[in-house]
């Protein structure tokens, strides 16, 4: 099994030399096997290994026991260990999520916070062949296209899945051979969630009555769909470049005549790709929204517009199909929200989240437009996010003296209709950051900085 995982890492280029690999470890068989295998392969690939555990706070002493179990093994393996305790049910209720969705959101938020602290890297999770099969079935039953049927990817943004070629039986044998005695979550044996019912009832039924090798069959299907989907994505990106006329932060213009010439499948994918370019994701975007845009495109009725999910408006102007994100200008004019000094703050007017953390590490670097570092001790009073006000000034990093925000926007060639949409992070005295553009020179991190304030706009 060790060599099999090593082959997966090499084939899918999951780990680079000197990578920081943060393993999500629950204490169950899958994650414990992943932890030990990555430890065994650490010298071969020359990466830094860390472990993180989230105590969801719903199984009382059992959950606390899971945390202590993982902590002991990390100590034994000499792996840096991080943990946090949360109330998953409370989080689910507050954000109107299912328990599964809440747990996943909490885990990845915590893992990404840790990645930021350790200087970036990848999150290794222990999804296996059985998990992949369950995912494909679950998405098929809910209704999905190729994007859903491809299942989980070996490497997706900052997440890697080294065990995706290993089935659950192999993992259990590995743990037995290593005498790991992994923790058992009893809720995994209760058919109370959709995924549990698929694992405990549907797959065994298919194995007994239709196909003994359904796990392998679904994984093979997933790989074939992934391959086709990868080709389509490349084709769509090339077609998008041909028909794109203009692309700004909240606005995208396509040639409607060129769009109409494309196959319906490519047409739909280009529209989804375009919306994702503007919103950053496709949450809330459904097939009915894409079909309504296509119908608008076909009418060629200039001046006509439609509003779809997440404040996205699509309109026709002669041959231009314009997709833009709308912000309520009345709300925007007096937009001002106090930020939590540590943790996240949701900004309703922007449909964005600002995450703040304070660390003492000196070697943190961020090249992202939307993650910036500041000297914490220079902050005066509260932190607020707001849009610009008349007379606003700041001292842009790399420049001498103060500059009016209005002049800064002109220099950056930001159109008038976009200027009120750009958030500013301010303290009681000055502007710290024109989000997405420049920070204030006064607050930059220097060799004398003791604490670093990290602000992430997402």
Protein backbone atom coordinates (compact mmCIF):
# COMPACT_ATOMS: atom_id res chain seq x y z
CA UNK A 1 0.00 0.00 0.00
CA UNK A 2 2.88 2.35 0.78
CA UNK A 3 4.35 1.97 -2.71
CA UNK A 4 0.89 2.32 -4.26
CA UNK A 5 0.36 5.68 -2.56
CA UNK A 6 3.87 6.74 -3.57
CA UNK A 7 2.96 5.94 -7.18
CA UNK A 8 -0.20 8.08 -6.91
CA UNK A 9 1.81 11.00 -5.53
CA UNK A 10 4.29 10.76 -8.43
CA UNK A 11 1.70 10.17 -11.19
CA UNK A 12 -0.51 13.10 -10.20
CA UNK A 13 2.33 15.38 -9.02
CA UNK A 14 0.70 15.90 -5.64
CA UNK A 15 3.79 16.99 -3.69
CA UNK A 16 6.74 19.20 -4.57
CA UNK A 17 10.11 19.32 -2.84
CA UNK A 18 10.00 21.40 0.39
CA UNK A 19 6.18 21.51 0.33
CA UNK A 20 4.31 22.06 3.58
CA UNK A 21 1.80 19.21 3.85
CA UNK A 22 -0.95 19.64 6.44
CA UNK A 23 -2.78 16.35 7.09
CA UNK A 24 -6.37 16.49 8.29
CA UNK A 25 -6.52 13.73 10.92
CA UNK A 26 -9.77 12.67 12.58
CA UNK A 27 -8.33 9.60 14.30
CA UNK A 28 -10.24 7.17 12.06
CA UNK A 29 -8.61 4.43 9.99
CA UNK A 30 -8.39 6.45 6.75
CA UNK A 31 -6.69 9.54 8.17
CA UNK A 32 -4.38 7.54 10.46
CA UNK A 33 -3.21 5.43 7.51
CA UNK A 34 -2.59 8.62 5.52
CA UNK A 35 -0.62 10.16 8.39
CA UNK A 36 1.67 7.14 8.77
CA UNK A 37 2.17 6.66 5.02
CA UNK A 38 3.09 10.32 4.52
CA UNK A 39 5.50 10.04 7.43
CA UNK A 40 7.10 6.96 5.82
CA UNK A 41 7.49 8.80 2.49
CA UNK A 42 8.67 12.12 3.94
CA UNK A 43 12.37 11.54 3.25
CA UNK A 44 11.73 10.28 -0.28
CA UNK A 45 9.85 13.48 -1.27
CA UNK A 46 11.52 15.98 1.11
CA UNK A 47 8.43 17.76 2.42
CA UNK A 48 7.44 19.26 5.77
CA UNK A 49 4.67 17.40 7.57
CA UNK A 50 2.03 18.83 9.93
CA UNK A 51 -1.19 17.42 11.38
CA UNK A 52 -4.48 19.13 12.26
CA UNK A 53 -7.51 17.85 14.13
CA UNK A 54 -10.96 19.43 14.49
CA UNK A 55 -13.03 18.44 17.52
CA UNK A 56 -16.60 19.11 16.35
CA UNK A 57 -17.91 19.17 19.90
CA UNK A 58 -20.84 16.80 19.31
CA UNK A 59 -19.67 13.44 20.67
CA UNK A 60 -18.60 14.48 24.16
CA UNK A 61 -15.91 12.29 25.73
CA UNK A 62 -15.53 10.24 22.54
CA UNK A 63 -14.58 13.37 20.58
CA UNK A 64 -12.11 14.44 23.28
CA UNK A 65 -10.66 10.92 23.17
CA UNK A 66 -10.19 11.22 19.39
CA UNK A 67 -8.21 14.41 19.88
CA UNK A 68 -5.95 12.92 22.54
CA UNK A 69 -5.41 9.79 20.40
CA UNK A 70 -4.25 11.85 17.40
CA UNK A 71 -2.10 14.05 19.63
CA UNK A 72 -0.28 10.99 21.07
CA UNK A 73 0.48 9.55 17.64
CA UNK A 74 1.76 12.87 16.33
CA UNK A 75 4.02 13.14 19.36
CA UNK A 76 5.28 9.61 18.70
CA UNK A 77 5.98 10.45 15.04
CA UNK A 78 7.44 13.86 15.90
CA UNK A 79 4.87 15.66 13.73
CA UNK A 80 3.73 19.19 14.74
CA UNK A 81 0.11 18.95 15.88
CA UNK A 82 -2.67 21.57 15.79
CA UNK A 83 -6.22 21.23 17.08
CA UNK A 84 -9.35 23.27 17.64
CA UNK A 85 -12.70 22.65 19.30
CA UNK A 86 -15.91 24.03 17.81
CA UNK A 87 -19.68 23.61 18.11
CA UNK A 88 -20.66 22.19 14.75
CA UNK A 89 -24.41 22.07 15.42
CA UNK A 90 -24.44 25.71 16.48
CA UNK A 91 -22.45 26.68 13.37
CA UNK A 92 -24.82 24.67 11.14
CA UNK A 93 -27.87 26.37 12.63
CA UNK A 94 -26.34 29.85 12.37
CA UNK A 95 -25.32 29.42 8.72
CA UNK A 96 -28.34 27.29 7.71
CA UNK A 97 -26.23 24.30 6.69
CA UNK A 98 -26.56 20.54 7.13
CA UNK A 99 -24.27 18.93 9.72
CA UNK A 100 -22.12 17.49 6.93
CA UNK A 101 -21.79 20.84 5.16
CA UNK A 102 -21.04 22.66 8.41
CA UNK A 103 -18.36 20.14 9.40
CA UNK A 104 -16.66 20.37 6.01
CA UNK A 105 -16.76 24.18 6.00
CA UNK A 106 -15.36 24.39 9.55
CA UNK A 107 -12.54 21.95 8.79
CA UNK A 108 -11.33 23.62 5.62
CA UNK A 109 -11.53 27.12 7.11
CA UNK A 110 -9.37 25.94 10.00
CA UNK A 111 -6.93 24.07 7.74
CA UNK A 112 -6.48 27.11 5.49
CA UNK A 113 -5.93 29.36 8.49
CA UNK A 114 -3.15 27.01 9.61
CA UNK A 115 -1.64 26.93 6.11
CA UNK A 116 -1.41 30.70 6.19
CA UNK A 117 0.39 30.53 9.55
CA UNK A 118 2.94 27.96 8.41
CA UNK A 119 3.70 29.82 5.18
CA UNK A 120 1.43 28.09 2.67
CA UNK A 121 1.31 24.53 1.35
CA UNK A 122 -1.26 21.81 0.70
CA UNK A 123 -3.98 20.09 2.68
CA UNK A 124 -3.84 16.28 2.53
CA UNK A 125 -7.17 14.52 3.14
CA UNK A 126 -7.85 10.81 3.36
CA UNK A 127 -10.60 10.25 0.79
CA UNK A 128 -10.32 6.76 -0.72
CA UNK A 129 -11.84 4.66 -3.52
CA UNK A 130 -14.98 3.92 -1.50
CA UNK A 131 -15.47 7.60 -0.74
CA UNK A 132 -15.14 8.35 -4.45
CA UNK A 133 -17.80 5.78 -5.34
CA UNK A 134 -20.17 7.19 -2.70
CA UNK A 135 -19.59 10.72 -4.00
CA UNK A 136 -20.37 9.79 -7.61
CA UNK A 137 -23.59 8.01 -6.60
CA UNK A 138 -24.67 10.83 -4.31
CA UNK A 139 -24.15 13.48 -7.01
CA UNK A 140 -25.89 11.35 -9.64
CA UNK A 141 -28.93 10.93 -7.40
CA UNK A 142 -29.11 14.68 -6.78
CA UNK A 143 -28.69 15.46 -10.47
CA UNK A 144 -25.44 16.63 -12.02
CA UNK A 145 -23.43 17.04 -15.20
CA UNK A 146 -19.91 15.91 -16.04
CA UNK A 147 -18.43 18.26 -13.44
CA UNK A 148 -20.23 16.31 -10.73
CA UNK A 149 -19.73 12.82 -12.15
CA UNK A 150 -15.97 13.27 -12.25
CA UNK A 151 -16.08 12.95 -8.46
CA UNK A 152 -13.22 14.17 -6.31
CA UNK A 153 -9.91 15.08 -7.90
CA UNK A 154 -6.46 13.90 -6.83
CA UNK A 155 -5.33 17.53 -6.75
CA UNK A 156 -7.76 20.43 -6.53
CA UNK A 157 -6.36 23.90 -5.73
CA UNK A 158 -4.77 23.41 -2.28
CA UNK A 159 -6.21 19.94 -1.56
CA UNK A 160 -4.49 16.63 -2.34
CA UNK A 161 -5.91 13.11 -2.00
CA UNK A 162 -3.07 10.55 -1.94
CA UNK A 163 -5.37 7.63 -0.96
CA UNK A 164 -7.81 7.96 -3.86
CA UNK A 165 -6.50 4.71 -5.46
CA UNK A 166 -6.81 2.72 -2.19
CA UNK A 167 -9.98 0.94 -1.06
CA UNK A 168 -11.24 0.83 2.51
CA UNK A 169 -10.37 -2.86 2.98
CA UNK A 170 -6.69 -2.18 2.17
CA UNK A 171 -6.67 0.70 4.65
CA UNK A 172 -8.11 -1.42 7.44
CA UNK A 173 -5.51 -4.14 6.79
CA UNK A 174 -2.75 -1.52 6.88
CA UNK A 175 -3.95 -0.18 10.24
CA UNK A 176 -4.17 -3.73 11.61
CA UNK A 177 -0.63 -4.48 10.48
CA UNK A 178 0.65 -1.27 12.10
CA UNK A 179 -1.38 -1.97 15.28
CA UNK A 180 -2.80 1.55 15.14
CA UNK A 181 -6.19 0.74 16.72
CA UNK A 182 -7.85 3.73 15.06
CA UNK A 183 -10.79 5.48 16.67
CA UNK A 184 -14.31 4.52 15.59
CA UNK A 185 -17.03 7.10 15.09
CA UNK A 186 -20.24 5.21 15.86
CA UNK A 187 -22.33 7.67 13.83
CA UNK A 188 -20.66 6.25 10.69
CA UNK A 189 -22.72 3.10 11.25
CA UNK A 190 -26.03 4.94 11.54
CA UNK A 191 -27.98 5.47 8.31
CA UNK A 192 -28.94 9.01 9.30
CA UNK A 193 -27.10 10.95 6.57
CA UNK A 194 -27.40 10.57 2.81
CA UNK A 195 -23.81 9.41 2.43
CA UNK A 196 -24.18 6.89 5.28
CA UNK A 197 -27.26 5.37 3.62
CA UNK A 198 -25.37 5.02 0.35
CA UNK A 199 -22.42 3.35 2.11
CA UNK A 200 -24.42 1.11 4.46
CA UNK A 201 -27.46 0.23 2.35
CA UNK A 202 -27.29 1.15 -1.34
CA UNK A 203 -23.77 -0.01 -2.27
CA UNK A 204 -24.10 -3.40 -0.46
CA UNK A 205 -27.42 -3.90 -2.28
CA UNK A 206 -25.83 -3.18 -5.68
CA UNK A 207 -22.89 -5.46 -4.84
CA UNK A 208 -25.21 -8.32 -3.91
CA UNK A 209 -27.67 -7.96 -6.77
CA UNK A 210 -25.95 -6.26 -9.71
CA UNK A 211 -22.20 -5.73 -9.62
CA UNK A 212 -19.75 -7.06 -7.03
CA UNK A 213 -17.10 -4.65 -8.30
CA UNK A 214 -19.27 -1.51 -8.21
CA UNK A 215 -16.59 0.41 -6.26
CA UNK A 216 -13.99 -0.19 -8.99
CA UNK A 217 -16.57 0.45 -11.72
CA UNK A 218 -17.54 3.85 -10.32
CA UNK A 219 -13.90 4.84 -9.83
CA UNK A 220 -13.13 3.88 -13.43
CA UNK A 221 -16.12 5.94 -14.60
CA UNK A 222 -14.90 8.87 -12.52
CA UNK A 223 -11.44 8.74 -14.13
CA UNK A 224 -12.92 8.61 -17.66
CA UNK A 225 -15.22 11.55 -16.94
CA UNK A 226 -12.33 13.52 -15.42
CA UNK A 227 -10.30 13.03 -18.59
CA UNK A 228 -13.15 14.18 -20.85
CA UNK A 229 -13.94 17.07 -18.53
CA UNK A 230 -10.31 18.25 -18.54
CA UNK A 231 -10.39 18.36 -22.36
CA UNK A 232 -13.68 20.30 -22.37
CA UNK A 233 -12.34 22.82 -19.87
CA UNK A 234 -9.29 23.52 -22.05
CA UNK A 235 -11.52 23.89 -25.10
CA UNK A 236 -13.88 26.24 -23.23
CA UNK A 237 -11.02 28.47 -22.06
CA UNK A 238 -9.76 28.77 -25.64
CA UNK A 239 -13.26 29.55 -26.94
CA UNK A 240 -13.77 32.10 -24.15
CA UNK A 241 -10.64 33.99 -25.21
CA UNK A 242 -11.94 34.15 -28.80
CA UNK A 243 -15.36 35.61 -27.93
CA UNK A 244 -14.37 37.82 -24.96
CA UNK A 245 -14.50 41.53 -25.73
CA UNK A 246 -13.87 43.03 -22.29
CA UNK A 247 -13.19 41.75 -18.78
CA UNK A 248 -13.16 43.90 -15.65
CA UNK A 249 -13.55 42.90 -12.02
CA UNK A 250 -17.37 43.02 -11.93
CA UNK A 251 -18.13 43.06 -15.63
CA UNK A 252 -17.55 40.76 -18.57
CA UNK A 253 -18.54 41.40 -22.20
CA UNK A 254 -18.88 38.59 -24.76
CA UNK A 255 -19.58 38.68 -28.49
CA UNK A 256 -23.16 37.45 -28.71
CA UNK A 257 -22.91 36.50 -32.40
CA UNK A 258 -19.82 34.38 -31.71
CA UNK A 259 -21.49 32.79 -28.68
CA UNK A 260 -24.54 31.77 -30.74
CA UNK A 261 -22.33 29.89 -33.22
CA UNK A 262 -21.07 27.51 -30.52
CA UNK A 263 -22.45 24.09 -29.63
CA UNK A 264 -25.03 24.27 -26.81
CA UNK A 265 -22.74 22.31 -24.48
CA UNK A 266 -19.83 24.72 -24.98
CA UNK A 267 -22.19 27.71 -24.82
CA UNK A 268 -23.42 26.66 -21.36
CA UNK A 269 -19.91 26.02 -20.12
CA UNK A 270 -18.66 29.40 -21.32
CA UNK A 271 -21.50 31.16 -19.48
CA UNK A 272 -20.72 29.27 -16.27
CA UNK A 273 -17.03 30.02 -16.71
CA UNK A 274 -17.81 33.72 -17.24
CA UNK A 275 -20.01 33.97 -14.14
CA UNK A 276 -17.33 32.23 -12.07
CA UNK A 277 -14.81 34.81 -13.33
CA UNK A 278 -16.97 37.56 -11.83
CA UNK A 279 -18.23 35.93 -8.63
CA UNK A 280 -15.26 33.70 -7.83
CA UNK A 281 -17.58 30.68 -7.50
CA UNK A 282 -20.81 29.21 -8.88
CA UNK A 283 -22.78 28.92 -5.65
CA UNK A 284 -26.46 29.48 -6.34
CA UNK A 285 -26.03 29.27 -10.12
CA UNK A 286 -28.34 26.59 -11.50
CA UNK A 287 -29.21 25.19 -14.92
CA UNK A 288 -32.33 27.39 -15.11
CA UNK A 289 -30.14 30.50 -14.82
CA UNK A 290 -27.87 29.40 -17.68
CA UNK A 291 -30.89 28.54 -19.87
CA UNK A 292 -32.44 31.96 -19.23
CA UNK A 293 -29.18 33.62 -20.38
CA UNK A 294 -29.10 31.46 -23.51
CA UNK A 295 -32.72 32.40 -24.28
CA UNK A 296 -31.85 36.09 -23.86
CA UNK A 297 -28.88 35.62 -26.18
CA UNK A 298 -31.08 34.04 -28.86
CA UNK A 299 -33.63 36.91 -28.84
CA UNK A 300 -30.95 39.46 -29.88
CA UNK A 301 -33.26 42.03 -28.24
CA UNK A 302 -30.89 44.90 -27.49
CA UNK A 303 -31.49 46.67 -24.20
CA UNK A 304 -33.19 43.69 -22.61
CA UNK A 305 -31.76 42.37 -19.32
CA UNK A 306 -32.38 39.64 -16.75
CA UNK A 307 -31.32 39.26 -13.12
CA UNK A 308 -30.16 35.86 -11.94
CA UNK A 309 -28.75 34.62 -8.62
CA UNK A 310 -26.14 36.46 -6.47
CA UNK A 311 -26.83 39.95 -7.90
CA UNK A 312 -25.70 38.97 -11.38
CA UNK A 313 -27.36 40.89 -14.21
CA UNK A 314 -27.09 39.89 -17.87
CA UNK A 315 -28.07 42.28 -20.65
CA UNK A 316 -27.85 42.61 -24.42
CA UNK A 317 -26.43 45.72 -26.04
CA UNK A 318 -26.35 45.21 -29.80
CA UNK A 319 -23.82 42.37 -30.31
CA UNK A 320 -22.56 42.58 -26.72
CA UNK A 321 -23.73 40.11 -24.09
CA UNK A 322 -22.84 41.84 -20.83
CA UNK A 323 -22.55 39.87 -17.58
CA UNK A 324 -22.03 42.04 -14.51
CA UNK A 325 -22.29 41.89 -10.75
CA UNK A 326 -24.68 44.47 -9.35
CA UNK A 327 -24.25 46.28 -6.04
CA UNK A 328 -27.05 48.37 -4.57
CA UNK A 329 -25.68 51.90 -4.92
CA UNK A 330 -27.84 53.26 -2.09
CA UNK A 331 -26.49 50.67 0.33
CA UNK A 332 -23.01 51.15 -1.04
CA UNK A 333 -22.87 54.92 -0.39
CA UNK A 334 -22.97 54.56 3.40
CA UNK A 335 -21.40 51.10 3.63
CA UNK A 336 -19.47 50.67 6.92
CA UNK A 337 -18.93 47.50 9.04
CA UNK A 338 -16.83 46.99 12.16
CA UNK A 339 -14.52 43.98 11.85
CA UNK A 340 -13.79 41.30 14.42
CA UNK A 341 -10.15 41.77 15.46
CA UNK A 342 -9.59 38.01 15.18
CA UNK A 343 -11.79 35.69 13.14
CA UNK A 344 -14.15 36.30 10.25
CA UNK A 345 -16.70 39.00 9.47
CA UNK A 346 -19.28 38.55 6.71
CA UNK A 347 -19.92 41.70 4.68
CA UNK A 348 -23.49 41.38 3.38
CA UNK A 349 -23.29 44.31 0.96
CA UNK A 350 -20.30 42.73 -0.81
CA UNK A 351 -21.24 39.09 -0.27
CA UNK A 352 -17.66 38.64 0.92
CA UNK A 353 -15.87 37.58 4.08
CA UNK A 354 -12.94 39.29 5.78
CA UNK A 355 -10.78 37.00 7.92
CA UNK A 356 -8.31 38.45 10.43
CA UNK A 357 -5.56 36.72 12.39
CA UNK A 358 -2.60 37.82 14.52
CA UNK A 359 0.68 35.86 14.48
CA UNK A 360 4.22 36.34 15.72
CA UNK A 361 6.10 34.49 12.97
CA UNK A 362 8.53 36.74 11.10
CA UNK A 363 8.95 34.81 7.84
CA UNK A 364 5.39 35.02 6.48
CA UNK A 365 5.06 36.28 2.91
CA UNK A 366 1.90 36.86 0.86
CA UNK A 367 1.88 37.74 -2.83
CA UNK A 368 -1.90 37.58 -3.09
CA UNK A 369 -3.84 40.74 -3.93
CA UNK A 370 -6.40 39.73 -1.33
CA UNK A 371 -4.18 38.65 1.58
CA UNK A 372 -2.08 41.38 3.14
CA UNK A 373 0.19 41.67 6.19
CA UNK A 374 0.39 44.63 8.59
CA UNK A 375 2.37 45.66 11.68
CA UNK A 376 -0.18 44.92 14.40
CA UNK A 377 1.27 47.36 16.96
CA UNK A 378 0.68 50.30 14.61
CA UNK A 379 -3.09 49.75 14.48
CA UNK A 380 -5.03 52.44 16.31
CA UNK A 381 -8.40 51.46 17.81
CA UNK A 382 -10.99 49.45 15.87
CA UNK A 383 -10.80 48.06 12.35
CA UNK A 384 -13.59 48.95 9.95
CA UNK A 385 -14.34 48.10 6.33
CA UNK A 386 -16.11 50.80 4.31
CA UNK A 387 -16.22 52.38 0.90
CA UNK A 388 -14.53 55.66 0.08
CA UNK A 389 -15.53 59.05 1.46
CA UNK A 390 -14.86 62.53 0.12
CA UNK A 391 -11.38 63.69 1.09
CA UNK A 392 -9.98 60.23 1.85
CA UNK A 393 -6.18 60.06 1.66
CA UNK A 394 -3.47 57.48 2.38
CA UNK A 395 0.23 56.86 1.85
CA UNK A 396 0.48 54.07 -0.78
CA UNK A 397 3.26 51.54 -0.26
CA UNK A 398 6.29 52.47 -2.34
CA UNK A 399 5.37 56.15 -2.59
CA UNK A 400 6.38 59.23 -0.63
CA UNK A 401 3.68 61.31 1.05
CA UNK A 402 -0.09 61.08 1.06
CA UNK A 403 -2.32 60.71 -1.96
CA UNK A 404 -6.04 61.31 -2.38
CA UNK A 405 -7.99 58.09 -2.87
CA UNK A 406 -9.71 59.74 -5.84
CA UNK A 407 -6.35 60.42 -7.51
CA UNK A 408 -5.13 56.91 -6.67
CA UNK A 409 -8.19 55.40 -8.41
CA UNK A 410 -7.56 57.60 -11.46
CA UNK A 411 -3.89 56.52 -11.59
CA UNK A 412 -4.97 52.86 -11.35
CA UNK A 413 -7.46 53.43 -14.22
CA UNK A 414 -10.43 52.32 -12.10
CA UNK A 415 -13.70 53.43 -13.73
CA UNK A 416 -16.05 55.74 -11.84
CA UNK A 417 -18.83 53.16 -11.52
CA UNK A 418 -16.39 50.77 -9.80
CA UNK A 419 -14.76 53.15 -7.32
CA UNK A 420 -17.55 53.03 -4.71
CA UNK A 421 -17.48 49.22 -4.82
CA UNK A 422 -13.86 48.91 -3.69
CA UNK A 423 -13.67 48.32 0.09
CA UNK A 424 -11.21 50.17 2.31
CA UNK A 425 -9.88 48.74 5.58
CA UNK A 426 -9.38 51.55 8.09
CA UNK A 427 -8.51 52.02 11.77
CA UNK A 428 -9.42 55.02 13.93
CA UNK A 429 -6.87 57.23 12.15
CA UNK A 430 -5.97 56.06 8.63
CA UNK A 431 -6.67 53.78 5.70
CA UNK A 432 -4.65 50.56 6.03
CA UNK A 433 -5.55 48.96 2.71
CA UNK A 434 -7.32 49.73 -0.53
CA UNK A 435 -8.46 46.12 -0.93
CA UNK A 436 -7.12 44.44 -4.03
CA UNK A 437 -4.65 47.27 -4.71
CA UNK A 438 -2.24 48.90 -2.23
CA UNK A 439 -1.58 48.97 1.53
CA UNK A 440 -0.54 52.03 3.53
CA UNK A 441 3.24 52.40 3.74
CA UNK A 442 2.95 53.33 7.45
CA UNK A 443 1.58 49.88 8.38
CA UNK A 444 3.98 47.67 6.43
CA UNK A 445 5.84 44.82 8.16
CA UNK A 446 9.49 45.62 8.95
CA UNK A 447 12.39 43.97 10.77
CA UNK A 448 11.15 45.62 13.97
CA UNK A 449 7.65 44.17 13.70
CA UNK A 450 6.72 42.02 16.71
CA UNK A 451 3.20 40.90 15.75
CA UNK A 452 1.77 40.53 12.25
CA UNK A 453 -1.87 41.27 11.46
CA UNK A 454 -3.08 39.15 8.55
CA UNK A 455 -6.18 40.32 6.67
CA UNK A 456 -7.75 38.06 4.05
CA UNK A 457 -10.56 39.23 1.75
CA UNK A 458 -12.44 36.29 0.26
